[in-house]
Amino acid sequence: MLVKTVTVRNRAGIHTRPAATIVKKASQYRCEFFIVRDGFRINGKSIIGVMMLAAEQGAELQLEFDGPDEAAAAADLAGYFERKFDEEF
């Protein structure tokens, strides 16, 4: 299992577009993917779960990856958070 801690950096937080992209990216990998916030653990491949996080700017999340391609998935998804969901430059 691989765990990455990320911070939501964009001003709007995780709204519909980045939530959908997170799920789309995660679904490309075979590993299991969970997002943890304040003890609440959701399936990162579920749009409903990701939206329920209501993660605003500054929220700290743990991304958990477990499976054969966990390193690639972790790099891809953690990078997406780092790039502010490709919304702000």
C-alpha atoms as a PDB file:
ATOM      1  CA  MET A   1       0.000   0.000   0.000  1.00  0.00           C
ATOM      2  CA  LEU A   2       1.173   3.487  -0.863  1.00  0.00           C
ATOM      3  CA  VAL A   3      -0.096   6.601   0.942  1.00  0.00           C
ATOM      4  CA  LYS A   4       0.362  10.188  -0.241  1.00  0.00           C
ATOM      5  CA  THR A   5      -0.694  13.293   1.690  1.00  0.00           C
ATOM      6  CA  VAL A   6      -1.925  16.128  -0.513  1.00  0.00           C
ATOM      7  CA  THR A   7      -3.435  19.549   0.036  1.00  0.00           C
ATOM      8  CA  VAL A   8      -6.247  20.975  -2.055  1.00  0.00           C
ATOM      9  CA  ARG A   9      -4.548  24.051  -3.458  1.00  0.00           C
ATOM     10  CA  ASN A  10      -6.987  25.602  -5.917  1.00  0.00           C
ATOM     11  CA  ARG A  11      -9.420  28.291  -4.765  1.00  0.00           C
ATOM     12  CA  ALA A  12     -12.637  26.429  -5.612  1.00  0.00           C
ATOM     13  CA  GLY A  13     -11.666  23.171  -3.895  1.00  0.00           C
ATOM     14  CA  ILE A  14     -12.856  19.842  -5.271  1.00  0.00           C
ATOM     15  CA  HIS A  15     -15.888  20.830  -7.301  1.00  0.00           C
ATOM     16  CA  THR A  16     -17.597  18.851 -10.083  1.00  0.00           C
ATOM     17  CA  ARG A  17     -14.929  19.064 -12.804  1.00  0.00           C
ATOM     18  CA  PRO A  18     -11.915  18.024 -10.708  1.00  0.00           C
ATOM     19  CA  ALA A  19     -13.989  15.359  -8.939  1.00  0.00           C
ATOM     20  CA  ALA A  20     -14.922  13.840 -12.293  1.00  0.00           C
ATOM     21  CA  THR A  21     -11.308  13.997 -13.474  1.00  0.00           C
ATOM     22  CA  ILE A  22     -10.040  12.359 -10.260  1.00  0.00           C
ATOM     23  CA  VAL A  23     -12.484   9.477 -10.795  1.00  0.00           C
ATOM     24  CA  LYS A  24     -11.611   9.212 -14.489  1.00  0.00           C
ATOM     25  CA  LYS A  25      -7.865   9.159 -13.786  1.00  0.00           C
ATOM     26  CA  ALA A  26      -8.236   6.662 -10.918  1.00  0.00           C
ATOM     27  CA  SER A  27     -10.394   4.349 -13.040  1.00  0.00           C
ATOM     28  CA  GLN A  28      -7.529   3.937 -15.518  1.00  0.00           C
ATOM     29  CA  TYR A  29      -5.575   1.984 -12.893  1.00  0.00           C
ATOM     30  CA  ARG A  30      -6.179  -1.491 -11.505  1.00  0.00           C
ATOM     31  CA  CYS A  31      -5.169  -0.628  -7.949  1.00  0.00           C
ATOM     32  CA  GLU A  32      -7.691   0.251  -5.279  1.00  0.00           C
ATOM     33  CA  PHE A  33      -7.847   3.974  -4.516  1.00  0.00           C
ATOM     34  CA  PHE A  34      -9.256   5.621  -1.410  1.00  0.00           C
ATOM     35  CA  ILE A  35      -9.279   9.213  -0.193  1.00  0.00           C
ATOM     36  CA  VAL A  36      -9.261   9.913   3.550  1.00  0.00           C
ATOM     37  CA  ARG A  37     -10.320  13.174   5.162  1.00  0.00           C
ATOM     38  CA  ASP A  38     -10.835  13.645   8.901  1.00  0.00           C
ATOM     39  CA  GLY A  39     -11.216   9.896   9.407  1.00  0.00           C
ATOM     40  CA  PHE A  40     -13.783   9.595   6.602  1.00  0.00           C
ATOM     41  CA  ARG A  41     -12.567   7.101   3.944  1.00  0.00           C
ATOM     42  CA  ILE A  42     -14.200   7.032   0.514  1.00  0.00           C
ATOM     43  CA  ASN A  43     -13.656   5.112  -2.698  1.00  0.00           C
ATOM     44  CA  GLY A  44     -11.752   7.479  -4.992  1.00  0.00           C
ATOM     45  CA  LYS A  45     -13.268   5.789  -8.045  1.00  0.00           C
ATOM     46  CA  SER A  46     -16.769   6.911  -7.024  1.00  0.00           C
ATOM     47  CA  ILE A  47     -17.950  10.365  -8.139  1.00  0.00           C
ATOM     48  CA  ILE A  48     -20.506  10.445  -5.306  1.00  0.00           C
ATOM     49  CA  GLY A  49     -17.815   9.664  -2.734  1.00  0.00           C
ATOM     50  CA  VAL A  50     -15.391  12.267  -4.061  1.00  0.00           C
ATOM     51  CA  MET A  51     -18.102  14.950  -4.127  1.00  0.00           C
ATOM     52  CA  MET A  52     -19.165  14.066  -0.558  1.00  0.00           C
ATOM     53  CA  LEU A  53     -15.706  15.025   0.705  1.00  0.00           C
ATOM     54  CA  ALA A  54     -16.595  18.696   0.145  1.00  0.00           C
ATOM     55  CA  ALA A  55     -12.863  19.416   0.220  1.00  0.00           C
ATOM     56  CA  GLU A  56     -12.194  23.155   0.154  1.00  0.00           C
ATOM     57  CA  GLN A  57      -8.941  25.007  -0.462  1.00  0.00           C
ATOM     58  CA  GLY A  58      -6.439  24.053   2.211  1.00  0.00           C
ATOM     59  CA  ALA A  59      -8.042  20.694   3.020  1.00  0.00           C
ATOM     60  CA  GLU A  60      -5.467  17.994   3.693  1.00  0.00           C
ATOM     61  CA  LEU A  61      -6.254  14.564   2.271  1.00  0.00           C
ATOM     62  CA  GLN A  62      -4.574  11.198   2.312  1.00  0.00           C
ATOM     63  CA  LEU A  63      -4.577   9.278  -0.942  1.00  0.00           C
ATOM     64  CA  GLU A  64      -4.288   5.512  -0.468  1.00  0.00           C
ATOM     65  CA  PHE A  65      -3.303   3.203  -3.321  1.00  0.00           C
ATOM     66  CA  ASP A  66      -3.120  -0.573  -3.124  1.00  0.00           C
ATOM     67  CA  GLY A  67      -2.449  -2.813  -6.075  1.00  0.00           C
ATOM     68  CA  PRO A  68      -0.154  -3.682  -8.943  1.00  0.00           C
ATOM     69  CA  ASP A  69       0.056  -0.192 -10.474  1.00  0.00           C
ATOM     70  CA  GLU A  70      -0.132   1.842  -7.253  1.00  0.00           C
ATOM     71  CA  ALA A  71       3.086   3.800  -7.909  1.00  0.00           C
ATOM     72  CA  ALA A  72       1.910   5.039 -11.306  1.00  0.00           C
ATOM     73  CA  ALA A  73      -1.549   5.903  -9.947  1.00  0.00           C
ATOM     74  CA  ALA A  74      -0.041   7.750  -6.981  1.00  0.00           C
ATOM     75  CA  ALA A  75       2.252   9.806  -9.204  1.00  0.00           C
ATOM     76  CA  ASP A  76      -0.589  10.683 -11.587  1.00  0.00           C
ATOM     77  CA  LEU A  77      -3.179  11.646  -8.975  1.00  0.00           C
ATOM     78  CA  ALA A  78      -0.828  13.385  -6.528  1.00  0.00           C
ATOM     79  CA  GLY A  79       0.523  15.378  -9.484  1.00  0.00           C
ATOM     80  CA  TYR A  80      -3.005  16.420 -10.420  1.00  0.00           C
ATOM     81  CA  PHE A  81      -3.536  17.817  -6.906  1.00  0.00           C
ATOM     82  CA  GLU A  82      -0.135  19.531  -7.020  1.00  0.00           C
ATOM     83  CA  ARG A  83      -1.041  21.196 -10.338  1.00  0.00           C
ATOM     84  CA  LYS A  84      -4.201  22.669  -8.741  1.00  0.00           C
ATOM     85  CA  PHE A  85      -6.367  20.415 -10.917  1.00  0.00           C
ATOM     86  CA  ASP A  86      -4.919  22.182 -13.983  1.00  0.00           C
ATOM     87  CA  GLU A  87      -7.172  25.168 -13.273  1.00  0.00           C
ATOM     88  CA  GLU A  88      -4.758  27.802 -11.952  1.00  0.00           C
ATOM     89  CA  PHE A  89      -1.281  28.543 -13.167  1.00  0.00           C
END
